[in-house]
Amino acid sequence: MTDTALIEAIAQMERGLIDVDLGGNLFKQRVALPGRGKSSSTRTLIATRFAGVWFFVYGFEKSERDNITARELALYQRLARELLGLTEAQLVTALAGQVLLEVKL
């Protein structure tokens, strides 16, 4: 998964092209990789409230698994809630400590 692919997934979501709303501010977005269409490529889980803050939380190849389990969904929804609840100071600290990595254009 490249930064460019993640940026394109978010750009599609910003245009309203959302594959699946999983609830709890968690979304599944298909990402086409070079030489493959979206239907057979990577799935990403992205946490967002559509306010300029986006978190890539997980990615998987369609060829490796069909979907996440109900238990995993609950865990990723909880993670989305925690990430989206971080203050600006907490985000700065997490980025400085490389707990989180920022993807930029």
PDB file of N, CA and C in Angstrom:
ATOM      1  N   MET A   1       0.848  -1.174   0.000  1.00  0.00           N
ATOM      2  CA  MET A   1       0.000   0.000   0.000  1.00  0.00           C
ATOM      3  C   MET A   1       0.894   1.238   0.000  1.00  0.00           C
ATOM      4  N   THR A   2       0.694   2.073  -0.966  1.00  0.00           N
ATOM      5  CA  THR A   2       1.514   3.287  -1.069  1.00  0.00           C
ATOM      6  C   THR A   2       0.770   4.494  -0.490  1.00  0.00           C
ATOM      7  N   ASP A   3       1.522   5.537  -0.171  1.00  0.00           N
ATOM      8  CA  ASP A   3       0.898   6.779   0.276  1.00  0.00           C
ATOM      9  C   ASP A   3      -0.053   7.304  -0.798  1.00  0.00           C
ATOM     10  N   THR A   4       0.367   7.200  -2.037  1.00  0.00           N
ATOM     11  CA  THR A   4      -0.457   7.678  -3.148  1.00  0.00           C
ATOM     12  C   THR A   4      -1.790   6.937  -3.196  1.00  0.00           C
ATOM     13  N   ALA A   5      -1.769   5.632  -2.977  1.00  0.00           N
ATOM     14  CA  ALA A   5      -3.008   4.848  -2.982  1.00  0.00           C
ATOM     15  C   ALA A   5      -3.921   5.263  -1.832  1.00  0.00           C
ATOM     16  N   LEU A   6      -3.348   5.524  -0.663  1.00  0.00           N
ATOM     17  CA  LEU A   6      -4.152   5.975   0.476  1.00  0.00           C
ATOM     18  C   LEU A   6      -4.756   7.349   0.201  1.00  0.00           C
ATOM     19  N   ILE A   7      -3.977   8.233  -0.367  1.00  0.00           N
ATOM     20  CA  ILE A   7      -4.469   9.575  -0.688  1.00  0.00           C
ATOM     21  C   ILE A   7      -5.601   9.492  -1.703  1.00  0.00           C
ATOM     22  N   GLU A   8      -5.480   8.612  -2.677  1.00  0.00           N
ATOM     23  CA  GLU A   8      -6.537   8.448  -3.672  1.00  0.00           C
ATOM     24  C   GLU A   8      -7.803   7.875  -3.032  1.00  0.00           C
ATOM     25  N   ALA A   9      -7.657   6.937  -2.107  1.00  0.00           N
ATOM     26  CA  ALA A   9      -8.826   6.375  -1.409  1.00  0.00           C
ATOM     27  C   ALA A   9      -9.567   7.475  -0.650  1.00  0.00           C
ATOM     28  N   ILE A  10      -8.831   8.331   0.018  1.00  0.00           N
ATOM     29  CA  ILE A  10      -9.449   9.424   0.768  1.00  0.00           C
ATOM     30  C   ILE A  10     -10.087  10.432  -0.178  1.00  0.00           C
ATOM     31  N   ALA A  11      -9.432  10.726  -1.295  1.00  0.00           N
ATOM     32  CA  ALA A  11     -10.000  11.657  -2.277  1.00  0.00           C
ATOM     33  C   ALA A  11     -11.337  11.131  -2.796  1.00  0.00           C
ATOM     34  N   GLN A  12     -11.423   9.836  -3.031  1.00  0.00           N
ATOM     35  CA  GLN A  12     -12.687   9.239  -3.474  1.00  0.00           C
ATOM     36  C   GLN A  12     -13.760   9.390  -2.403  1.00  0.00           C
ATOM     37  N   MET A  13     -13.389   9.150  -1.152  1.00  0.00           N
ATOM     38  CA  MET A  13     -14.345   9.279  -0.058  1.00  0.00           C
ATOM     39  C   MET A  13     -14.823  10.723   0.080  1.00  0.00           C
ATOM     40  N   GLU A  14     -13.928  11.663  -0.087  1.00  0.00           N
ATOM     41  CA  GLU A  14     -14.304  13.082  -0.016  1.00  0.00           C
ATOM     42  C   GLU A  14     -15.300  13.453  -1.107  1.00  0.00           C
ATOM     43  N   ARG A  15     -15.238  12.750  -2.237  1.00  0.00           N
ATOM     44  CA  ARG A  15     -16.184  12.980  -3.338  1.00  0.00           C
ATOM     45  C   ARG A  15     -17.480  12.191  -3.143  1.00  0.00           C
ATOM     46  N   GLY A  16     -17.600  11.497  -2.011  1.00  0.00           N
ATOM     47  CA  GLY A  16     -18.818  10.733  -1.726  1.00  0.00           C
ATOM     48  C   GLY A  16     -18.807   9.314  -2.243  1.00  0.00           C
ATOM     49  N   LEU A  17     -17.685   8.869  -2.771  1.00  0.00           N
ATOM     50  CA  LEU A  17     -17.567   7.510  -3.308  1.00  0.00           C
ATOM     51  C   LEU A  17     -17.074   6.573  -2.205  1.00  0.00           C
ATOM     52  N   ILE A  18     -17.971   6.226  -1.311  1.00  0.00           N
ATOM     53  CA  ILE A  18     -17.635   5.386  -0.161  1.00  0.00           C
ATOM     54  C   ILE A  18     -18.122   3.971  -0.438  1.00  0.00           C
ATOM     55  N   ASP A  19     -17.230   3.010  -0.261  1.00  0.00           N
ATOM     56  CA  ASP A  19     -17.611   1.624  -0.517  1.00  0.00           C
ATOM     57  C   ASP A  19     -18.535   1.083   0.567  1.00  0.00           C
ATOM     58  N   VAL A  20     -18.106   1.156   1.842  1.00  0.00           N
ATOM     59  CA  VAL A  20     -18.924   0.611   2.929  1.00  0.00           C
ATOM     60  C   VAL A  20     -18.742   1.462   4.189  1.00  0.00           C
ATOM     61  N   ASP A  21     -19.866   1.898   4.755  1.00  0.00           N
ATOM     62  CA  ASP A  21     -19.862   2.560   6.054  1.00  0.00           C
ATOM     63  C   ASP A  21     -20.045   1.461   7.096  1.00  0.00           C
ATOM     64  N   LEU A  22     -19.010   1.208   7.891  1.00  0.00           N
ATOM     65  CA  LEU A  22     -19.049   0.132   8.878  1.00  0.00           C
ATOM     66  C   LEU A  22     -19.614   0.593  10.226  1.00  0.00           C
ATOM     67  N   GLY A  23     -19.975   1.855  10.334  1.00  0.00           N
ATOM     68  CA  GLY A  23     -20.494   2.402  11.585  1.00  0.00           C
ATOM     69  C   GLY A  23     -19.360   2.856  12.487  1.00  0.00           C
ATOM     70  N   GLY A  24     -19.694   3.731  13.426  1.00  0.00           N
ATOM     71  CA  GLY A  24     -18.680   4.205  14.366  1.00  0.00           C
ATOM     72  C   GLY A  24     -17.565   4.997  13.722  1.00  0.00           C
ATOM     73  N   ASN A  25     -17.880   5.734  12.633  1.00  0.00           N
ATOM     74  CA  ASN A  25     -16.877   6.530  11.906  1.00  0.00           C
ATOM     75  C   ASN A  25     -15.775   5.679  11.292  1.00  0.00           C
ATOM     76  N   LEU A  26     -16.102   4.446  10.958  1.00  0.00           N
ATOM     77  CA  LEU A  26     -15.160   3.525  10.325  1.00  0.00           C
ATOM     78  C   LEU A  26     -15.704   3.141   8.953  1.00  0.00           C
ATOM     79  N   PHE A  27     -14.833   3.201   7.952  1.00  0.00           N
ATOM     80  CA  PHE A  27     -15.244   2.936   6.581  1.00  0.00           C
ATOM     81  C   PHE A  27     -14.290   1.946   5.923  1.00  0.00           C
ATOM     82  N   LYS A  28     -14.857   1.106   5.056  1.00  0.00           N
ATOM     83  CA  LYS A  28     -14.033   0.207   4.248  1.00  0.00           C
ATOM     84  C   LYS A  28     -14.012   0.777   2.838  1.00  0.00           C
ATOM     85  N   GLN A  29     -12.800   0.959   2.330  1.00  0.00           N
ATOM     86  CA  GLN A  29     -12.626   1.533   1.001  1.00  0.00           C
ATOM     87  C   GLN A  29     -11.705   0.630   0.189  1.00  0.00           C
ATOM     88  N   ARG A  30     -12.169   0.266  -0.991  1.00  0.00           N
ATOM     89  CA  ARG A  30     -11.328  -0.529  -1.885  1.00  0.00           C
ATOM     90  C   ARG A  30     -10.315   0.379  -2.570  1.00  0.00           C
ATOM     91  N   VAL A  31      -9.107  -0.143  -2.740  1.00  0.00           N
ATOM     92  CA  VAL A  31      -8.029   0.623  -3.363  1.00  0.00           C
ATOM     93  C   VAL A  31      -7.461  -0.208  -4.501  1.00  0.00           C
ATOM     94  N   ALA A  32      -7.504   0.360  -5.687  1.00  0.00           N
ATOM     95  CA  ALA A  32      -6.925  -0.315  -6.850  1.00  0.00           C
ATOM     96  C   ALA A  32      -5.414  -0.144  -6.829  1.00  0.00           C
ATOM     97  N   LEU A  33      -4.720  -1.230  -6.978  1.00  0.00           N
ATOM     98  CA  LEU A  33      -3.270  -1.187  -7.072  1.00  0.00           C
ATOM     99  C   LEU A  33      -2.866  -1.310  -8.535  1.00  0.00           C
ATOM    100  N   PRO A  34      -1.670  -0.864  -8.892  1.00  0.00           N
ATOM    101  CA  PRO A  34      -1.243  -0.900 -10.292  1.00  0.00           C
ATOM    102  C   PRO A  34      -1.411  -2.291 -10.913  1.00  0.00           C
ATOM    103  N   GLY A  35      -2.058  -2.318 -12.074  1.00  0.00           N
ATOM    104  CA  GLY A  35      -2.235  -3.563 -12.798  1.00  0.00           C
ATOM    105  C   GLY A  35      -3.414  -4.400 -12.342  1.00  0.00           C
ATOM    106  N   ARG A  36      -4.149  -3.919 -11.331  1.00  0.00           N
ATOM    107  CA  ARG A  36      -5.314  -4.651 -10.836  1.00  0.00           C
ATOM    108  C   ARG A  36      -6.474  -3.687 -10.660  1.00  0.00           C
ATOM    109  N   GLY A  37      -7.668  -4.183 -10.845  1.00  0.00           N
ATOM    110  CA  GLY A  37      -8.855  -3.370 -10.621  1.00  0.00           C
ATOM    111  C   GLY A  37      -9.191  -3.316  -9.142  1.00  0.00           C
ATOM    112  N   LYS A  38     -10.155  -2.458  -8.797  1.00  0.00           N
ATOM    113  CA  LYS A  38     -10.541  -2.302  -7.393  1.00  0.00           C
ATOM    114  C   LYS A  38     -11.132  -3.586  -6.816  1.00  0.00           C
ATOM    115  N   SER A  39     -11.858  -4.344  -7.634  1.00  0.00           N
ATOM    116  CA  SER A  39     -12.559  -5.520  -7.094  1.00  0.00           C
ATOM    117  C   SER A  39     -11.614  -6.618  -6.628  1.00  0.00           C
ATOM    118  N   SER A  40     -10.394  -6.635  -7.119  1.00  0.00           N
ATOM    119  CA  SER A  40      -9.464  -7.697  -6.710  1.00  0.00           C
ATOM    120  C   SER A  40      -8.233  -7.151  -5.991  1.00  0.00           C
ATOM    121  N   SER A  41      -8.323  -5.939  -5.503  1.00  0.00           N
ATOM    122  CA  SER A  41      -7.161  -5.325  -4.875  1.00  0.00           C
ATOM    123  C   SER A  41      -7.270  -5.269  -3.361  1.00  0.00           C
ATOM    124  N   THR A  42      -6.771  -4.198  -2.794  1.00  0.00           N
ATOM    125  CA  THR A  42      -6.646  -4.026  -1.354  1.00  0.00           C
ATOM    126  C   THR A  42      -7.882  -3.365  -0.774  1.00  0.00           C
ATOM    127  N   ARG A  43      -8.219  -3.785   0.436  1.00  0.00           N
ATOM    128  CA  ARG A  43      -9.285  -3.144   1.204  1.00  0.00           C
ATOM    129  C   ARG A  43      -8.621  -2.371   2.331  1.00  0.00           C
ATOM    130  N   THR A  44      -9.088  -1.168   2.583  1.00  0.00           N
ATOM    131  CA  THR A  44      -8.554  -0.374   3.679  1.00  0.00           C
ATOM    132  C   THR A  44      -9.674  -0.061   4.649  1.00  0.00           C
ATOM    133  N   LEU A  45      -9.321   0.043   5.914  1.00  0.00           N
ATOM    134  CA  LEU A  45     -10.248   0.531   6.927  1.00  0.00           C
ATOM    135  C   LEU A  45      -9.742   1.906   7.325  1.00  0.00           C
ATOM    136  N   ILE A  46     -10.621   2.897   7.207  1.00  0.00           N
ATOM    137  CA  ILE A  46     -10.260   4.280   7.454  1.00  0.00           C
ATOM    138  C   ILE A  46     -11.225   4.868   8.474  1.00  0.00           C
ATOM    139  N   ALA A  47     -10.660   5.514   9.492  1.00  0.00           N
ATOM    140  CA  ALA A  47     -11.464   6.201  10.500  1.00  0.00           C
ATOM    141  C   ALA A  47     -11.491   7.681  10.170  1.00  0.00           C
ATOM    142  N   THR A  48     -12.692   8.273  10.160  1.00  0.00           N
ATOM    143  CA  THR A  48     -12.806   9.703   9.859  1.00  0.00           C
ATOM    144  C   THR A  48     -14.163  10.243  10.285  1.00  0.00           C
ATOM    145  N   ARG A  49     -14.180  11.540  10.502  1.00  0.00           N
ATOM    146  CA  ARG A  49     -15.433  12.279  10.672  1.00  0.00           C
ATOM    147  C   ARG A  49     -15.583  13.277   9.523  1.00  0.00           C
ATOM    148  N   PHE A  50     -14.790  13.111   8.485  1.00  0.00           N
ATOM    149  CA  PHE A  50     -14.813  13.968   7.297  1.00  0.00           C
ATOM    150  C   PHE A  50     -14.521  15.422   7.640  1.00  0.00           C
ATOM    151  N   ALA A  51     -13.637  15.659   8.584  1.00  0.00           N
ATOM    152  CA  ALA A  51     -13.290  17.023   8.973  1.00  0.00           C
ATOM    153  C   ALA A  51     -11.803  17.267   8.797  1.00  0.00           C
ATOM    154  N   GLY A  52     -11.219  16.647   7.769  1.00  0.00           N
ATOM    155  CA  GLY A  52      -9.809  16.852   7.492  1.00  0.00           C
ATOM    156  C   GLY A  52      -8.870  15.923   8.229  1.00  0.00           C
ATOM    157  N   VAL A  53      -9.407  15.072   9.083  1.00  0.00           N
ATOM    158  CA  VAL A  53      -8.573  14.114   9.817  1.00  0.00           C
ATOM    159  C   VAL A  53      -8.992  12.711   9.403  1.00  0.00           C
ATOM    160  N   TRP A  54      -8.021  11.946   8.930  1.00  0.00           N
ATOM    161  CA  TRP A  54      -8.269  10.605   8.414  1.00  0.00           C
ATOM    162  C   TRP A  54      -7.206   9.678   9.004  1.00  0.00           C
ATOM    163  N   PHE A  55      -7.627   8.503   9.436  1.00  0.00           N
ATOM    164  CA  PHE A  55      -6.690   7.519   9.974  1.00  0.00           C
ATOM    165  C   PHE A  55      -6.839   6.214   9.207  1.00  0.00           C
ATOM    166  N   PHE A  56      -5.748   5.764   8.602  1.00  0.00           N
ATOM    167  CA  PHE A  56      -5.700   4.431   8.006  1.00  0.00           C
ATOM    168  C   PHE A  56      -5.429   3.479   9.162  1.00  0.00           C
ATOM    169  N   VAL A  57      -6.353   2.537   9.411  1.00  0.00           N
ATOM    170  CA  VAL A  57      -6.180   1.663  10.566  1.00  0.00           C
ATOM    171  C   VAL A  57      -5.858   0.218  10.193  1.00  0.00           C
ATOM    172  N   TYR A  58      -6.199  -0.210   8.963  1.00  0.00           N
ATOM    173  CA  TYR A  58      -5.911  -1.590   8.596  1.00  0.00           C
ATOM    174  C   TYR A  58      -6.080  -1.751   7.096  1.00  0.00           C
ATOM    175  N   GLY A  59      -5.327  -2.655   6.528  1.00  0.00           N
ATOM    176  CA  GLY A  59      -5.465  -2.979   5.113  1.00  0.00           C
ATOM    177  C   GLY A  59      -5.272  -4.462   4.898  1.00  0.00           C
ATOM    178  N   PHE A  60      -5.997  -5.000   3.930  1.00  0.00           N
ATOM    179  CA  PHE A  60      -5.853  -6.419   3.615  1.00  0.00           C
ATOM    180  C   PHE A  60      -6.170  -6.663   2.151  1.00  0.00           C
ATOM    181  N   GLU A  61      -5.541  -7.683   1.633  1.00  0.00           N
ATOM    182  CA  GLU A  61      -5.763  -8.081   0.245  1.00  0.00           C
ATOM    183  C   GLU A  61      -7.023  -8.930   0.147  1.00  0.00           C
ATOM    184  N   LYS A  62      -7.827  -8.655  -0.843  1.00  0.00           N
ATOM    185  CA  LYS A  62      -9.046  -9.437  -1.081  1.00  0.00           C
ATOM    186  C   LYS A  62      -8.699 -10.905  -1.291  1.00  0.00           C
ATOM    187  N   SER A  63      -7.551 -11.170  -1.887  1.00  0.00           N
ATOM    188  CA  SER A  63      -7.152 -12.554  -2.155  1.00  0.00           C
ATOM    189  C   SER A  63      -6.773 -13.304  -0.874  1.00  0.00           C
ATOM    190  N   GLU A  64      -6.450 -12.577   0.205  1.00  0.00           N
ATOM    191  CA  GLU A  64      -6.046 -13.207   1.460  1.00  0.00           C
ATOM    192  C   GLU A  64      -7.217 -13.478   2.397  1.00  0.00           C
ATOM    193  N   ARG A  65      -8.240 -12.616   2.357  1.00  0.00           N
ATOM    194  CA  ARG A  65      -9.411 -12.814   3.213  1.00  0.00           C
ATOM    195  C   ARG A  65     -10.576 -12.021   2.642  1.00  0.00           C
ATOM    196  N   ASP A  66     -11.771 -12.527   2.876  1.00  0.00           N
ATOM    197  CA  ASP A  66     -12.960 -11.855   2.349  1.00  0.00           C
ATOM    198  C   ASP A  66     -13.306 -10.598   3.125  1.00  0.00           C
ATOM    199  N   ASN A  67     -13.190 -10.668   4.449  1.00  0.00           N
ATOM    200  CA  ASN A  67     -13.613  -9.552   5.268  1.00  0.00           C
ATOM    201  C   ASN A  67     -13.017  -9.684   6.657  1.00  0.00           C
ATOM    202  N   ILE A  68     -13.319  -8.719   7.523  1.00  0.00           N
ATOM    203  CA  ILE A  68     -12.911  -8.814   8.917  1.00  0.00           C
ATOM    204  C   ILE A  68     -14.033  -9.487   9.698  1.00  0.00           C
ATOM    205  N   THR A  69     -13.693 -10.024  10.855  1.00  0.00           N
ATOM    206  CA  THR A  69     -14.693 -10.688  11.687  1.00  0.00           C
ATOM    207  C   THR A  69     -15.486  -9.658  12.490  1.00  0.00           C
ATOM    208  N   ALA A  70     -16.579 -10.094  13.075  1.00  0.00           N
ATOM    209  CA  ALA A  70     -17.385  -9.208  13.924  1.00  0.00           C
ATOM    210  C   ALA A  70     -16.562  -8.707  15.107  1.00  0.00           C
ATOM    211  N   ARG A  71     -15.734  -9.562  15.665  1.00  0.00           N
ATOM    212  CA  ARG A  71     -14.866  -9.167  16.787  1.00  0.00           C
ATOM    213  C   ARG A  71     -13.859  -8.100  16.344  1.00  0.00           C
ATOM    214  N   GLU A  72     -13.256  -8.314  15.181  1.00  0.00           N
ATOM    215  CA  GLU A  72     -12.313  -7.324  14.651  1.00  0.00           C
ATOM    216  C   GLU A  72     -13.022  -6.002  14.370  1.00  0.00           C
ATOM    217  N   LEU A  73     -14.239  -6.064  13.835  1.00  0.00           N
ATOM    218  CA  LEU A  73     -14.992  -4.849  13.564  1.00  0.00           C
ATOM    219  C   LEU A  73     -15.177  -4.041  14.843  1.00  0.00           C
ATOM    220  N   ALA A  74     -15.574  -4.702  15.918  1.00  0.00           N
ATOM    221  CA  ALA A  74     -15.768  -4.012  17.197  1.00  0.00           C
ATOM    222  C   ALA A  74     -14.466  -3.375  17.681  1.00  0.00           C
ATOM    223  N   LEU A  75     -13.346  -4.081  17.507  1.00  0.00           N
ATOM    224  CA  LEU A  75     -12.050  -3.537  17.921  1.00  0.00           C
ATOM    225  C   LEU A  75     -11.654  -2.324  17.075  1.00  0.00           C
ATOM    226  N   TYR A  76     -11.862  -2.403  15.765  1.00  0.00           N
ATOM    227  CA  TYR A  76     -11.507  -1.290  14.889  1.00  0.00           C
ATOM    228  C   TYR A  76     -12.427  -0.090  15.104  1.00  0.00           C
ATOM    229  N   GLN A  77     -13.696  -0.329  15.430  1.00  0.00           N
ATOM    230  CA  GLN A  77     -14.591   0.777  15.752  1.00  0.00           C
ATOM    231  C   GLN A  77     -14.139   1.474  17.037  1.00  0.00           C
ATOM    232  N   ARG A  78     -13.705   0.689  18.008  1.00  0.00           N
ATOM    233  CA  ARG A  78     -13.184   1.272  19.251  1.00  0.00           C
ATOM    234  C   ARG A  78     -11.913   2.080  18.969  1.00  0.00           C
ATOM    235  N   LEU A  79     -11.026   1.530  18.139  1.00  0.00           N
ATOM    236  CA  LEU A  79      -9.808   2.246  17.770  1.00  0.00           C
ATOM    237  C   LEU A  79     -10.156   3.546  17.054  1.00  0.00           C
ATOM    238  N   ALA A  80     -11.132   3.507  16.150  1.00  0.00           N
ATOM    239  CA  ALA A  80     -11.559   4.716  15.436  1.00  0.00           C
ATOM    240  C   ALA A  80     -12.037   5.769  16.426  1.00  0.00           C
ATOM    241  N   ARG A  81     -12.835   5.365  17.384  1.00  0.00           N
ATOM    242  CA  ARG A  81     -13.349   6.288  18.397  1.00  0.00           C
ATOM    243  C   ARG A  81     -12.197   6.928  19.181  1.00  0.00           C
ATOM    244  N   GLU A  82     -11.207   6.109  19.560  1.00  0.00           N
ATOM    245  CA  GLU A  82     -10.069   6.617  20.321  1.00  0.00           C
ATOM    246  C   GLU A  82      -9.205   7.560  19.478  1.00  0.00           C
ATOM    247  N   LEU A  83      -8.923   7.178  18.242  1.00  0.00           N
ATOM    248  CA  LEU A  83      -8.104   8.025  17.379  1.00  0.00           C
ATOM    249  C   LEU A  83      -8.785   9.361  17.098  1.00  0.00           C
ATOM    250  N   LEU A  84     -10.075   9.307  16.807  1.00  0.00           N
ATOM    251  CA  LEU A  84     -10.801  10.527  16.478  1.00  0.00           C
ATOM    252  C   LEU A  84     -11.050  11.402  17.703  1.00  0.00           C
ATOM    253  N   GLY A  85     -10.828  10.853  18.882  1.00  0.00           N
ATOM    254  CA  GLY A  85     -10.976  11.617  20.115  1.00  0.00           C
ATOM    255  C   GLY A  85      -9.689  12.255  20.606  1.00  0.00           C
ATOM    256  N   LEU A  86      -8.585  12.024  19.905  1.00  0.00           N
ATOM    257  CA  LEU A  86      -7.315  12.614  20.308  1.00  0.00           C
ATOM    258  C   LEU A  86      -7.338  14.129  20.161  1.00  0.00           C
ATOM    259  N   THR A  87      -6.741  14.798  21.115  1.00  0.00           N
ATOM    260  CA  THR A  87      -6.610  16.249  21.025  1.00  0.00           C
ATOM    261  C   THR A  87      -5.469  16.589  20.069  1.00  0.00           C
ATOM    262  N   GLU A  88      -5.391  17.848  19.702  1.00  0.00           N
ATOM    263  CA  GLU A  88      -4.300  18.298  18.830  1.00  0.00           C
ATOM    264  C   GLU A  88      -2.948  18.010  19.480  1.00  0.00           C
ATOM    265  N   ALA A  89      -2.831  18.277  20.775  1.00  0.00           N
ATOM    266  CA  ALA A  89      -1.573  18.031  21.499  1.00  0.00           C
ATOM    267  C   ALA A  89      -1.232  16.544  21.498  1.00  0.00           C
ATOM    268  N   GLN A  90      -2.217  15.697  21.672  1.00  0.00           N
ATOM    269  CA  GLN A  90      -1.972  14.255  21.661  1.00  0.00           C
ATOM    270  C   GLN A  90      -1.535  13.788  20.274  1.00  0.00           C
ATOM    271  N   LEU A  91      -2.128  14.361  19.229  1.00  0.00           N
ATOM    272  CA  LEU A  91      -1.717  14.019  17.863  1.00  0.00           C
ATOM    273  C   LEU A  91      -0.274  14.432  17.609  1.00  0.00           C
ATOM    274  N   VAL A  92       0.089  15.627  18.039  1.00  0.00           N
ATOM    275  CA  VAL A  92       1.466  16.111  17.862  1.00  0.00           C
ATOM    276  C   VAL A  92       2.437  15.176  18.576  1.00  0.00           C
ATOM    277  N   THR A  93       2.110  14.778  19.790  1.00  0.00           N
ATOM    278  CA  THR A  93       2.963  13.876  20.562  1.00  0.00           C
ATOM    279  C   THR A  93       3.078  12.517  19.880  1.00  0.00           C
ATOM    280  N   ALA A  94       1.948  11.983  19.405  1.00  0.00           N
ATOM    281  CA  ALA A  94       1.955  10.674  18.730  1.00  0.00           C
ATOM    282  C   ALA A  94       2.772  10.714  17.451  1.00  0.00           C
ATOM    283  N   LEU A  95       2.665  11.807  16.712  1.00  0.00           N
ATOM    284  CA  LEU A  95       3.454  11.950  15.488  1.00  0.00           C
ATOM    285  C   LEU A  95       4.937  12.108  15.801  1.00  0.00           C
ATOM    286  N   ALA A  96       5.259  12.894  16.804  1.00  0.00           N
ATOM    287  CA  ALA A  96       6.662  13.105  17.191  1.00  0.00           C
ATOM    288  C   ALA A  96       7.304  11.807  17.658  1.00  0.00           C
ATOM    289  N   GLY A  97       6.533  10.983  18.351  1.00  0.00           N
ATOM    290  CA  GLY A  97       7.045   9.700  18.837  1.00  0.00           C
ATOM    291  C   GLY A  97       6.903   8.576  17.833  1.00  0.00           C
ATOM    292  N   GLN A  98       6.440   8.891  16.646  1.00  0.00           N
ATOM    293  CA  GLN A  98       6.216   7.935  15.561  1.00  0.00           C
ATOM    294  C   GLN A  98       5.275   6.805  15.966  1.00  0.00           C
ATOM    295  N   VAL A  99       4.355   7.111  16.876  1.00  0.00           N
ATOM    296  CA  VAL A  99       3.268   6.185  17.197  1.00  0.00           C
ATOM    297  C   VAL A  99       2.271   6.212  16.047  1.00  0.00           C
ATOM    298  N   LEU A 100       2.113   7.406  15.472  1.00  0.00           N
ATOM    299  CA  LEU A 100       1.309   7.598  14.264  1.00  0.00           C
ATOM    300  C   LEU A 100       2.233   8.170  13.204  1.00  0.00           C
ATOM    301  N   LEU A 101       1.954   7.829  11.945  1.00  0.00           N
ATOM    302  CA  LEU A 101       2.710   8.374  10.824  1.00  0.00           C
ATOM    303  C   LEU A 101       1.778   9.187   9.967  1.00  0.00           C
ATOM    304  N   GLU A 102       2.244  10.333   9.501  1.00  0.00           N
ATOM    305  CA  GLU A 102       1.422  11.213   8.684  1.00  0.00           C
ATOM    306  C   GLU A 102       1.729  10.996   7.210  1.00  0.00           C
ATOM    307  N   VAL A 103       0.663  10.898   6.423  1.00  0.00           N
ATOM    308  CA  VAL A 103       0.785  10.799   4.978  1.00  0.00           C
ATOM    309  C   VAL A 103       0.468  12.173   4.416  1.00  0.00           C
ATOM    310  N   LYS A 104       1.374  12.700   3.621  1.00  0.00           N
ATOM    311  CA  LYS A 104       1.188  14.029   3.035  1.00  0.00           C
ATOM    312  C   LYS A 104       1.256  13.937   1.529  1.00  0.00           C
ATOM    313  N   LEU A 105       0.600  14.902   0.896  1.00  0.00           N
ATOM    314  CA  LEU A 105       0.653  14.999  -0.577  1.00  0.00           C
ATOM    315  C   LEU A 105       2.033  15.350  -1.043  1.00  0.00           C
TER     316      LEU A 105
END
